[in-house]
Amino acid sequence: MPELTPTFSTAVNTWQCDENDHLNVQFYTQFGHEASAHLLAQLGLGPRAQRAAGLTVTAAEDHVRYLREFRVVDAVEVWSAPVEVGERHLLAYHEIRNPAEAGIAATVRRRIVCDRPWPDAFRARAKAARMELPEAARPRSVGTLALPDLTLEAARVAGLIEVGRTVITPDQCDERAEFLPRHQFGRYSDGAPVLWNHLGFDRAAMQERQEGSVVVEMLNHYRRPLRAGDLAVVMSGLAASTAKTMVFTHFLFEAETGTLAACAEAVGMKFDQKVRRIMTFSVEDRARMAARQLRL
């Protein structure tokens, strides 16, 4: 019977943690990214084999559920398996664990695509290793929005606000000089305080009260690669809200042409840093959010 296999291990460093004293969302994506490479290698199609076969393999989508915190010096293990195998795509499931604790810390479901049909031997091995996607890894509060293929100008007209502007540097790119998934998630995370402030929350005052914000689920679609030297802009907005959650949309653009590089849905919450629990929004908070909600 197919089982998960180990694909990645590390420990949490101080520099990887955010204002909540826990691992920042971008590093879960990095763990899944590296685990994907090891999973493909275990199935017979690692980086050297891809080069030898002249194949180009890329990530098309990442869905992440953040279930438990990682703190400084916590050990991290990733166990993986394919859950769907097509002619030119593979859906990989990554289970991120803290070996010192029971339960799953996070799940990553990555859609991987190839520019040509998979080699027969690889497809056979992947199908033999395939397992069912666990219920805990399935989308819960994302995946229902039809995110349009906006241009940068159309994003402004739609009411999205600019939360980040940057230059892609070589150290943020992979061996093909393409922007790494981790840094895409990092740009969304870096822009979050700007978006919260836009929605009427004083992030500095929140921090003084030991209130932070967390993301509990994210779905990112990789549309077109950004490369070293490109100029990038992140535009974001509020798509929906409840008593405890906000669903954000993030659009990452190449600034010179205004073309869309990636887009994401992210579920955010207020977080009490003292007791490590999710908070409920006040009536006033919800009224403000409703007034600023997008209609894409």
C-alpha atoms as a PDB file:
ATOM      1  CA  MET A   1       0.000   0.000   0.000  1.00  0.00           C
ATOM      2  CA  PRO A   2       1.459   3.448  -0.950  1.00  0.00           C
ATOM      3  CA  GLU A   3       2.854   5.464   1.946  1.00  0.00           C
ATOM      4  CA  LEU A   4       4.364   8.880   2.572  1.00  0.00           C
ATOM      5  CA  THR A   5       8.148   9.033   2.259  1.00  0.00           C
ATOM      6  CA  PRO A   6      10.590  11.514   3.884  1.00  0.00           C
ATOM      7  CA  THR A   7      11.563  14.320   1.506  1.00  0.00           C
ATOM      8  CA  PHE A   8      12.885  17.216   3.633  1.00  0.00           C
ATOM      9  CA  SER A   9      14.140  18.063   7.122  1.00  0.00           C
ATOM     10  CA  THR A  10      15.477  21.148   8.874  1.00  0.00           C
ATOM     11  CA  ALA A  11      15.053  23.243  12.035  1.00  0.00           C
ATOM     12  CA  VAL A  12      13.448  26.671  12.516  1.00  0.00           C
ATOM     13  CA  ASN A  13      15.858  29.597  12.744  1.00  0.00           C
ATOM     14  CA  THR A  14      15.291  32.913  14.517  1.00  0.00           C
ATOM     15  CA  TRP A  15      15.520  34.860  11.251  1.00  0.00           C
ATOM     16  CA  GLN A  16      12.638  32.796   9.792  1.00  0.00           C
ATOM     17  CA  CYS A  17      10.176  33.925  12.477  1.00  0.00           C
ATOM     18  CA  ASP A  18       7.869  36.955  12.367  1.00  0.00           C
ATOM     19  CA  GLU A  19       6.265  39.339  14.858  1.00  0.00           C
ATOM     20  CA  ASN A  20       4.226  36.459  16.293  1.00  0.00           C
ATOM     21  CA  ASP A  21       7.404  34.605  17.254  1.00  0.00           C
ATOM     22  CA  HIS A  22       6.546  31.754  14.916  1.00  0.00           C
ATOM     23  CA  LEU A  23       7.639  30.544  11.486  1.00  0.00           C
ATOM     24  CA  ASN A  24       6.622  32.914   8.692  1.00  0.00           C
ATOM     25  CA  VAL A  25       4.283  31.557   5.992  1.00  0.00           C
ATOM     26  CA  GLN A  26       6.848  31.823   3.208  1.00  0.00           C
ATOM     27  CA  PHE A  27       9.034  29.067   4.669  1.00  0.00           C
ATOM     28  CA  TYR A  28       6.282  26.451   4.572  1.00  0.00           C
ATOM     29  CA  THR A  29       6.226  27.084   0.829  1.00  0.00           C
ATOM     30  CA  GLN A  30      10.002  26.688   0.692  1.00  0.00           C
ATOM     31  CA  PHE A  31       9.781  23.361   2.538  1.00  0.00           C
ATOM     32  CA  GLY A  32       7.184  22.145   0.026  1.00  0.00           C
ATOM     33  CA  HIS A  33       9.301  23.414  -2.866  1.00  0.00           C
ATOM     34  CA  GLU A  34      12.376  21.477  -1.784  1.00  0.00           C
ATOM     35  CA  ALA A  35      10.329  18.425  -0.824  1.00  0.00           C
ATOM     36  CA  SER A  36       8.817  18.428  -4.331  1.00  0.00           C
ATOM     37  CA  ALA A  37      12.279  18.196  -5.889  1.00  0.00           C
ATOM     38  CA  HIS A  38      13.186  15.254  -3.658  1.00  0.00           C
ATOM     39  CA  LEU A  39       9.858  13.528  -4.361  1.00  0.00           C
ATOM     40  CA  LEU A  40      10.393  13.785  -8.113  1.00  0.00           C
ATOM     41  CA  ALA A  41      13.924  12.426  -7.669  1.00  0.00           C
ATOM     42  CA  GLN A  42      12.618   9.455  -5.665  1.00  0.00           C
ATOM     43  CA  LEU A  43      10.262   8.761  -8.570  1.00  0.00           C
ATOM     44  CA  GLY A  44      13.160   8.868 -11.024  1.00  0.00           C
ATOM     45  CA  LEU A  45      12.994  12.442 -12.310  1.00  0.00           C
ATOM     46  CA  GLY A  46      15.306  14.615 -10.249  1.00  0.00           C
ATOM     47  CA  PRO A  47      17.002  17.764 -11.579  1.00  0.00           C
ATOM     48  CA  ARG A  48      19.796  15.883 -13.379  1.00  0.00           C
ATOM     49  CA  ALA A  49      17.331  13.480 -15.002  1.00  0.00           C
ATOM     50  CA  GLN A  50      15.141  16.399 -16.099  1.00  0.00           C
ATOM     51  CA  ARG A  51      18.115  18.105 -17.733  1.00  0.00           C
ATOM     52  CA  ALA A  52      19.210  14.896 -19.429  1.00  0.00           C
ATOM     53  CA  ALA A  53      15.701  14.403 -20.836  1.00  0.00           C
ATOM     54  CA  GLY A  54      15.372  18.066 -21.850  1.00  0.00           C
ATOM     55  CA  LEU A  55      12.263  18.581 -19.709  1.00  0.00           C
ATOM     56  CA  THR A  56      11.082  21.796 -18.068  1.00  0.00           C
ATOM     57  CA  VAL A  57       9.180  21.140 -14.834  1.00  0.00           C
ATOM     58  CA  THR A  58       7.498  23.997 -12.944  1.00  0.00           C
ATOM     59  CA  ALA A  59       5.014  24.684 -10.146  1.00  0.00           C
ATOM     60  CA  ALA A  60       1.547  25.743 -11.307  1.00  0.00           C
ATOM     61  CA  GLU A  61      -0.250  25.997  -7.961  1.00  0.00           C
ATOM     62  CA  ASP A  62       0.406  25.745  -4.222  1.00  0.00           C
ATOM     63  CA  HIS A  63      -2.323  25.196  -1.649  1.00  0.00           C
ATOM     64  CA  VAL A  64      -1.143  25.457   1.968  1.00  0.00           C
ATOM     65  CA  ARG A  65      -3.024  24.894   5.223  1.00  0.00           C
ATOM     66  CA  TYR A  66      -1.253  26.193   8.335  1.00  0.00           C
ATOM     67  CA  LEU A  67      -2.491  24.030  11.205  1.00  0.00           C
ATOM     68  CA  ARG A  68       0.027  24.363  14.068  1.00  0.00           C
ATOM     69  CA  GLU A  69       2.805  26.783  14.964  1.00  0.00           C
ATOM     70  CA  PHE A  70       6.522  26.219  14.554  1.00  0.00           C
ATOM     71  CA  ARG A  71       8.713  28.160  16.991  1.00  0.00           C
ATOM     72  CA  VAL A  72      12.484  28.794  17.073  1.00  0.00           C
ATOM     73  CA  VAL A  73      14.643  25.605  17.127  1.00  0.00           C
ATOM     74  CA  ASP A  74      11.668  23.329  16.428  1.00  0.00           C
ATOM     75  CA  ALA A  75      12.601  20.445  14.156  1.00  0.00           C
ATOM     76  CA  VAL A  76      10.771  20.145  10.833  1.00  0.00           C
ATOM     77  CA  GLU A  77      10.118  17.017   8.799  1.00  0.00           C
ATOM     78  CA  VAL A  78       8.280  16.737   5.472  1.00  0.00           C
ATOM     79  CA  TRP A  79       6.757  13.473   4.230  1.00  0.00           C
ATOM     80  CA  SER A  80       5.357  13.294   0.704  1.00  0.00           C
ATOM     81  CA  ALA A  81       3.541  11.286  -1.951  1.00  0.00           C
ATOM     82  CA  PRO A  82       1.865  11.879  -5.315  1.00  0.00           C
ATOM     83  CA  VAL A  83      -1.928  12.011  -5.143  1.00  0.00           C
ATOM     84  CA  GLU A  84      -2.741  12.563  -8.823  1.00  0.00           C
ATOM     85  CA  VAL A  85      -0.777  11.775 -11.985  1.00  0.00           C
ATOM     86  CA  GLY A  86      -1.722  12.999 -15.459  1.00  0.00           C
ATOM     87  CA  GLU A  87      -0.054  13.044 -18.839  1.00  0.00           C
ATOM     88  CA  ARG A  88       1.832  16.269 -18.091  1.00  0.00           C
ATOM     89  CA  HIS A  89       0.954  17.112 -14.482  1.00  0.00           C
ATOM     90  CA  LEU A  90       1.434  15.667 -11.021  1.00  0.00           C
ATOM     91  CA  LEU A  91      -0.292  16.655  -7.801  1.00  0.00           C
ATOM     92  CA  ALA A  92       2.085  16.255  -4.854  1.00  0.00           C
ATOM     93  CA  TYR A  93       1.010  16.107  -1.216  1.00  0.00           C
ATOM     94  CA  HIS A  94       3.456  17.230   1.473  1.00  0.00           C
ATOM     95  CA  GLU A  95       2.799  16.693   5.177  1.00  0.00           C
ATOM     96  CA  ILE A  96       4.856  19.041   7.353  1.00  0.00           C
ATOM     97  CA  ARG A  97       5.428  17.745  10.887  1.00  0.00           C
ATOM     98  CA  ASN A  98       7.159  18.677  14.113  1.00  0.00           C
ATOM     99  CA  PRO A  99       8.577  15.291  15.217  1.00  0.00           C
ATOM    100  CA  ALA A 100       8.399  16.376  18.878  1.00  0.00           C
ATOM    101  CA  GLU A 101       4.615  16.833  18.704  1.00  0.00           C
ATOM    102  CA  ALA A 102       1.650  14.751  17.665  1.00  0.00           C
ATOM    103  CA  GLY A 103      -0.392  15.881  14.691  1.00  0.00           C
ATOM    104  CA  ILE A 104       0.325  17.673  11.441  1.00  0.00           C
ATOM    105  CA  ALA A 105       1.723  21.210  11.488  1.00  0.00           C
ATOM    106  CA  ALA A 106       0.868  22.073   7.878  1.00  0.00           C
ATOM    107  CA  THR A 107      -0.064  20.569   4.539  1.00  0.00           C
ATOM    108  CA  VAL A 108       1.097  21.614   1.083  1.00  0.00           C
ATOM    109  CA  ARG A 109      -0.633  20.455  -2.074  1.00  0.00           C
ATOM    110  CA  ARG A 110       1.442  21.386  -5.121  1.00  0.00           C
ATOM    111  CA  ARG A 111       0.414  21.066  -8.769  1.00  0.00           C
ATOM    112  CA  ILE A 112       3.520  20.389 -10.865  1.00  0.00           C
ATOM    113  CA  VAL A 113       3.481  20.619 -14.665  1.00  0.00           C
ATOM    114  CA  CYS A 114       5.882  19.481 -17.382  1.00  0.00           C
ATOM    115  CA  ASP A 115       6.306  21.032 -20.834  1.00  0.00           C
ATOM    116  CA  ARG A 116       6.099  17.546 -22.411  1.00  0.00           C
ATOM    117  CA  PRO A 117       4.422  14.267 -21.439  1.00  0.00           C
ATOM    118  CA  TRP A 118       6.053  12.531 -18.481  1.00  0.00           C
ATOM    119  CA  PRO A 119       8.437   9.683 -19.369  1.00  0.00           C
ATOM    120  CA  ASP A 120       6.652   6.335 -19.199  1.00  0.00           C
ATOM    121  CA  ALA A 121       8.878   4.952 -16.418  1.00  0.00           C
ATOM    122  CA  PHE A 122       8.316   8.028 -14.255  1.00  0.00           C
ATOM    123  CA  ARG A 123       4.547   7.950 -14.764  1.00  0.00           C
ATOM    124  CA  ALA A 124       4.432   4.265 -13.832  1.00  0.00           C
ATOM    125  CA  ARG A 125       6.416   4.833 -10.629  1.00  0.00           C
ATOM    126  CA  ALA A 126       4.313   7.872  -9.703  1.00  0.00           C
ATOM    127  CA  LYS A 127       1.061   5.973 -10.205  1.00  0.00           C
ATOM    128  CA  ALA A 128       2.356   3.064  -8.101  1.00  0.00           C
ATOM    129  CA  ALA A 129       3.224   5.499  -5.259  1.00  0.00           C
ATOM    130  CA  ARG A 130      -0.047   7.436  -5.490  1.00  0.00           C
ATOM    131  CA  MET A 131      -2.203   7.785  -2.368  1.00  0.00           C
ATOM    132  CA  GLU A 132      -5.484   9.517  -1.508  1.00  0.00           C
ATOM    133  CA  LEU A 133      -5.286  13.181  -0.556  1.00  0.00           C
ATOM    134  CA  PRO A 134      -6.145  13.380   3.179  1.00  0.00           C
ATOM    135  CA  GLU A 135      -9.246  15.319   4.106  1.00  0.00           C
ATOM    136  CA  ALA A 136      -7.177  17.735   6.232  1.00  0.00           C
ATOM    137  CA  ALA A 137      -5.248  18.824   3.133  1.00  0.00           C
ATOM    138  CA  ARG A 138      -8.279  19.712   1.016  1.00  0.00           C
ATOM    139  CA  PRO A 139      -9.242  23.373   0.481  1.00  0.00           C
ATOM    140  CA  ARG A 140     -11.482  24.674   3.240  1.00  0.00           C
ATOM    141  CA  SER A 141     -11.982  28.419   2.738  1.00  0.00           C
ATOM    142  CA  VAL A 142     -10.187  29.060  -0.575  1.00  0.00           C
ATOM    143  CA  GLY A 143     -10.652  27.966  -4.163  1.00  0.00           C
ATOM    144  CA  THR A 144     -14.145  29.340  -4.731  1.00  0.00           C
ATOM    145  CA  LEU A 145     -13.085  32.725  -6.117  1.00  0.00           C
ATOM    146  CA  ALA A 146     -12.590  32.993  -9.869  1.00  0.00           C
ATOM    147  CA  LEU A 147      -9.514  35.234  -9.794  1.00  0.00           C
ATOM    148  CA  PRO A 148      -9.389  37.160 -13.092  1.00  0.00           C
ATOM    149  CA  ASP A 149      -6.266  37.539 -15.217  1.00  0.00           C
ATOM    150  CA  LEU A 150      -6.030  41.235 -14.401  1.00  0.00           C
ATOM    151  CA  THR A 151      -3.565  43.791 -15.681  1.00  0.00           C
ATOM    152  CA  LEU A 152      -1.923  46.168 -13.229  1.00  0.00           C
ATOM    153  CA  GLU A 153      -4.091  49.055 -14.432  1.00  0.00           C
ATOM    154  CA  ALA A 154      -7.270  46.974 -14.162  1.00  0.00           C
ATOM    155  CA  ALA A 155      -6.297  46.006 -10.607  1.00  0.00           C
ATOM    156  CA  ARG A 156      -6.201  49.660  -9.617  1.00  0.00           C
ATOM    157  CA  VAL A 157      -9.576  50.311 -11.263  1.00  0.00           C
ATOM    158  CA  ALA A 158     -11.037  47.303  -9.393  1.00  0.00           C
ATOM    159  CA  GLY A 159     -10.081  48.864  -6.061  1.00  0.00           C
ATOM    160  CA  LEU A 160      -7.054  46.741  -5.167  1.00  0.00           C
ATOM    161  CA  ILE A 161      -4.398  48.712  -3.310  1.00  0.00           C
ATOM    162  CA  GLU A 162      -0.654  48.606  -3.712  1.00  0.00           C
ATOM    163  CA  VAL A 163       0.968  46.844  -0.738  1.00  0.00           C
ATOM    164  CA  GLY A 164       4.465  46.237  -2.096  1.00  0.00           C
ATOM    165  CA  ARG A 165       6.869  47.327  -4.812  1.00  0.00           C
ATOM    166  CA  THR A 166      10.244  45.676  -5.321  1.00  0.00           C
ATOM    167  CA  VAL A 167      13.028  44.536  -7.652  1.00  0.00           C
ATOM    168  CA  ILE A 168      13.611  40.796  -8.128  1.00  0.00           C
ATOM    169  CA  THR A 169      17.232  40.018  -7.226  1.00  0.00           C
ATOM    170  CA  PRO A 170      19.320  36.980  -8.274  1.00  0.00           C
ATOM    171  CA  ASP A 171      19.438  35.566  -4.727  1.00  0.00           C
ATOM    172  CA  GLN A 172      15.609  35.329  -4.795  1.00  0.00           C
ATOM    173  CA  CYS A 173      15.628  33.173  -7.930  1.00  0.00           C
ATOM    174  CA  ASP A 174      16.190  29.521  -8.808  1.00  0.00           C
ATOM    175  CA  GLU A 175      18.697  27.921 -11.176  1.00  0.00           C
ATOM    176  CA  ARG A 176      16.664  29.187 -14.155  1.00  0.00           C
ATOM    177  CA  ALA A 177      16.797  32.743 -12.738  1.00  0.00           C
ATOM    178  CA  GLU A 178      13.024  32.578 -12.031  1.00  0.00           C
ATOM    179  CA  PHE A 179      11.479  34.076  -8.883  1.00  0.00           C
ATOM    180  CA  LEU A 180      11.189  31.414  -6.171  1.00  0.00           C
ATOM    181  CA  PRO A 181       7.764  30.535  -4.702  1.00  0.00           C
ATOM    182  CA  ARG A 182       8.992  31.264  -1.179  1.00  0.00           C
ATOM    183  CA  HIS A 183       9.682  34.890  -2.068  1.00  0.00           C
ATOM    184  CA  GLN A 184       6.305  35.280  -3.776  1.00  0.00           C
ATOM    185  CA  PHE A 185       4.625  34.255  -0.501  1.00  0.00           C
ATOM    186  CA  GLY A 186       7.079  36.525   1.309  1.00  0.00           C
ATOM    187  CA  ARG A 187       5.912  39.510  -0.729  1.00  0.00           C
ATOM    188  CA  TYR A 188       2.293  38.806   0.233  1.00  0.00           C
ATOM    189  CA  SER A 189       3.316  38.510   3.891  1.00  0.00           C
ATOM    190  CA  ASP A 190       5.375  41.726   3.789  1.00  0.00           C
ATOM    191  CA  GLY A 191       2.409  43.606   2.353  1.00  0.00           C
ATOM    192  CA  ALA A 192      -0.100  42.348   4.932  1.00  0.00           C
ATOM    193  CA  PRO A 193       0.409  45.202   7.450  1.00  0.00           C
ATOM    194  CA  VAL A 194      -0.283  47.741   4.692  1.00  0.00           C
ATOM    195  CA  LEU A 195      -3.526  45.955   3.812  1.00  0.00           C
ATOM    196  CA  TRP A 196      -4.618  45.671   7.461  1.00  0.00           C
ATOM    197  CA  ASN A 197      -3.976  49.390   7.952  1.00  0.00           C
ATOM    198  CA  HIS A 198      -6.034  50.116   4.821  1.00  0.00           C
ATOM    199  CA  LEU A 199      -8.898  48.139   6.379  1.00  0.00           C
ATOM    200  CA  GLY A 200      -8.828  50.420   9.433  1.00  0.00           C
ATOM    201  CA  PHE A 201      -6.646  48.363  11.788  1.00  0.00           C
ATOM    202  CA  ASP A 202      -3.727  50.173  13.433  1.00  0.00           C
ATOM    203  CA  ARG A 203      -1.022  47.530  13.216  1.00  0.00           C
ATOM    204  CA  ALA A 204       1.361  49.424  15.512  1.00  0.00           C
ATOM    205  CA  ALA A 205      -1.350  49.704  18.185  1.00  0.00           C
ATOM    206  CA  MET A 206      -2.246  46.040  17.700  1.00  0.00           C
ATOM    207  CA  GLN A 207       1.355  45.064  18.324  1.00  0.00           C
ATOM    208  CA  GLU A 208       1.465  47.136  21.505  1.00  0.00           C
ATOM    209  CA  ARG A 209      -1.577  45.167  22.704  1.00  0.00           C
ATOM    210  CA  GLN A 210       0.197  41.956  21.686  1.00  0.00           C
ATOM    211  CA  GLU A 211      -2.237  41.333  18.869  1.00  0.00           C
ATOM    212  CA  GLY A 212      -0.923  40.026  15.588  1.00  0.00           C
ATOM    213  CA  SER A 213      -2.306  38.591  12.391  1.00  0.00           C
ATOM    214  CA  VAL A 214      -1.941  35.091  10.986  1.00  0.00           C
ATOM    215  CA  VAL A 215      -2.718  33.274   7.751  1.00  0.00           C
ATOM    216  CA  VAL A 216      -4.352  29.870   8.157  1.00  0.00           C
ATOM    217  CA  GLU A 217      -4.768  28.908   4.500  1.00  0.00           C
ATOM    218  CA  MET A 218      -3.468  30.090   1.132  1.00  0.00           C
ATOM    219  CA  LEU A 219      -3.936  29.125  -2.499  1.00  0.00           C
ATOM    220  CA  ASN A 220      -1.449  30.588  -4.973  1.00  0.00           C
ATOM    221  CA  HIS A 221      -1.612  30.316  -8.760  1.00  0.00           C
ATOM    222  CA  TYR A 222       1.662  30.771 -10.652  1.00  0.00           C
ATOM    223  CA  ARG A 223       0.695  32.396 -13.957  1.00  0.00           C
ATOM    224  CA  ARG A 224       3.913  33.696 -15.543  1.00  0.00           C
ATOM    225  CA  PRO A 225       7.489  33.615 -14.231  1.00  0.00           C
ATOM    226  CA  LEU A 226       9.254  36.686 -12.917  1.00  0.00           C
ATOM    227  CA  ARG A 227      13.022  36.788 -13.423  1.00  0.00           C
ATOM    228  CA  ALA A 228      16.040  38.423 -11.841  1.00  0.00           C
ATOM    229  CA  GLY A 229      16.001  42.139 -12.617  1.00  0.00           C
ATOM    230  CA  ASP A 230      12.227  42.377 -13.106  1.00  0.00           C
ATOM    231  CA  LEU A 231      10.245  45.051 -11.287  1.00  0.00           C
ATOM    232  CA  ALA A 232       7.296  43.707  -9.288  1.00  0.00           C
ATOM    233  CA  VAL A 233       4.186  45.211  -7.684  1.00  0.00           C
ATOM    234  CA  VAL A 234       1.750  43.486  -5.302  1.00  0.00           C
ATOM    235  CA  MET A 235      -1.879  44.657  -5.307  1.00  0.00           C
ATOM    236  CA  SER A 236      -4.231  43.325  -2.641  1.00  0.00           C
ATOM    237  CA  GLY A 237      -7.748  43.623  -1.298  1.00  0.00           C
ATOM    238  CA  LEU A 238     -10.446  42.101   0.892  1.00  0.00           C
ATOM    239  CA  ALA A 239     -12.721  39.603  -0.885  1.00  0.00           C
ATOM    240  CA  ALA A 240     -14.841  38.373   2.048  1.00  0.00           C
ATOM    241  CA  SER A 241     -15.047  38.325   5.858  1.00  0.00           C
ATOM    242  CA  THR A 242     -16.736  36.594   8.789  1.00  0.00           C
ATOM    243  CA  ALA A 243     -16.680  37.099  12.561  1.00  0.00           C
ATOM    244  CA  LYS A 244     -13.171  35.612  12.732  1.00  0.00           C
ATOM    245  CA  THR A 245     -11.763  35.487   9.195  1.00  0.00           C
ATOM    246  CA  MET A 246     -10.840  37.669   6.260  1.00  0.00           C
ATOM    247  CA  VAL A 247     -10.251  36.340   2.755  1.00  0.00           C
ATOM    248  CA  PHE A 248      -7.621  38.428   1.008  1.00  0.00           C
ATOM    249  CA  THR A 249      -6.747  38.448  -2.677  1.00  0.00           C
ATOM    250  CA  HIS A 250      -3.189  39.171  -3.762  1.00  0.00           C
ATOM    251  CA  PHE A 251      -2.078  39.906  -7.327  1.00  0.00           C
ATOM    252  CA  LEU A 252       1.624  39.990  -8.212  1.00  0.00           C
ATOM    253  CA  PHE A 253       2.469  41.953 -11.364  1.00  0.00           C
ATOM    254  CA  GLU A 254       5.510  42.591 -13.533  1.00  0.00           C
ATOM    255  CA  ALA A 255       5.538  46.369 -13.300  1.00  0.00           C
ATOM    256  CA  GLU A 256       6.886  47.423 -16.717  1.00  0.00           C
ATOM    257  CA  THR A 257       4.299  45.564 -18.786  1.00  0.00           C
ATOM    258  CA  GLY A 258       1.582  45.310 -16.139  1.00  0.00           C
ATOM    259  CA  THR A 259       1.164  41.566 -16.767  1.00  0.00           C
ATOM    260  CA  LEU A 260       0.040  39.196 -14.015  1.00  0.00           C
ATOM    261  CA  ALA A 261       2.714  36.859 -12.612  1.00  0.00           C
ATOM    262  CA  ALA A 262       0.724  35.207  -9.800  1.00  0.00           C
ATOM    263  CA  CYS A 263      -2.475  35.559  -7.799  1.00  0.00           C
ATOM    264  CA  ALA A 264      -3.592  34.162  -4.473  1.00  0.00           C
ATOM    265  CA  GLU A 265      -6.383  33.782  -1.945  1.00  0.00           C
ATOM    266  CA  ALA A 266      -5.353  33.945   1.713  1.00  0.00           C
ATOM    267  CA  VAL A 267      -7.431  33.469   4.854  1.00  0.00           C
ATOM    268  CA  GLY A 268      -6.277  35.818   7.626  1.00  0.00           C
ATOM    269  CA  MET A 269      -7.225  36.190  11.297  1.00  0.00           C
ATOM    270  CA  LYS A 270      -6.400  38.339  14.322  1.00  0.00           C
ATOM    271  CA  PHE A 271      -4.121  36.515  16.730  1.00  0.00           C
ATOM    272  CA  ASP A 272      -3.733  37.014  20.495  1.00  0.00           C
ATOM    273  CA  GLN A 273       0.016  36.659  21.023  1.00  0.00           C
ATOM    274  CA  LYS A 274      -0.356  36.246  24.803  1.00  0.00           C
ATOM    275  CA  VAL A 275      -2.609  33.179  24.826  1.00  0.00           C
ATOM    276  CA  ARG A 276      -1.806  32.032  21.235  1.00  0.00           C
ATOM    277  CA  ARG A 277      -5.452  32.038  20.134  1.00  0.00           C
ATOM    278  CA  ILE A 278      -7.543  33.416  17.281  1.00  0.00           C
ATOM    279  CA  MET A 279      -9.585  36.528  18.113  1.00  0.00           C
ATOM    280  CA  THR A 280     -13.110  37.604  17.126  1.00  0.00           C
ATOM    281  CA  PHE A 281     -13.598  40.852  15.194  1.00  0.00           C
ATOM    282  CA  SER A 282     -15.683  43.557  16.848  1.00  0.00           C
ATOM    283  CA  VAL A 283     -18.917  44.842  15.344  1.00  0.00           C
ATOM    284  CA  GLU A 284     -17.057  48.025  14.348  1.00  0.00           C
ATOM    285  CA  ASP A 285     -14.300  45.986  12.682  1.00  0.00           C
ATOM    286  CA  ARG A 286     -16.833  44.044  10.623  1.00  0.00           C
ATOM    287  CA  ALA A 287     -18.648  47.191   9.514  1.00  0.00           C
ATOM    288  CA  ARG A 288     -15.376  48.739   8.331  1.00  0.00           C
ATOM    289  CA  MET A 289     -14.389  45.573   6.477  1.00  0.00           C
ATOM    290  CA  ALA A 290     -17.762  45.309   4.765  1.00  0.00           C
ATOM    291  CA  ALA A 291     -17.392  48.883   3.488  1.00  0.00           C
ATOM    292  CA  ARG A 292     -13.993  48.095   1.969  1.00  0.00           C
ATOM    293  CA  GLN A 293     -14.822  44.691   0.487  1.00  0.00           C
ATOM    294  CA  LEU A 294     -13.967  44.276  -3.204  1.00  0.00           C
ATOM    295  CA  ARG A 295     -16.367  43.316  -5.978  1.00  0.00           C
ATOM    296  CA  LEU A 296     -14.057  41.667  -8.489  1.00  0.00           C
END
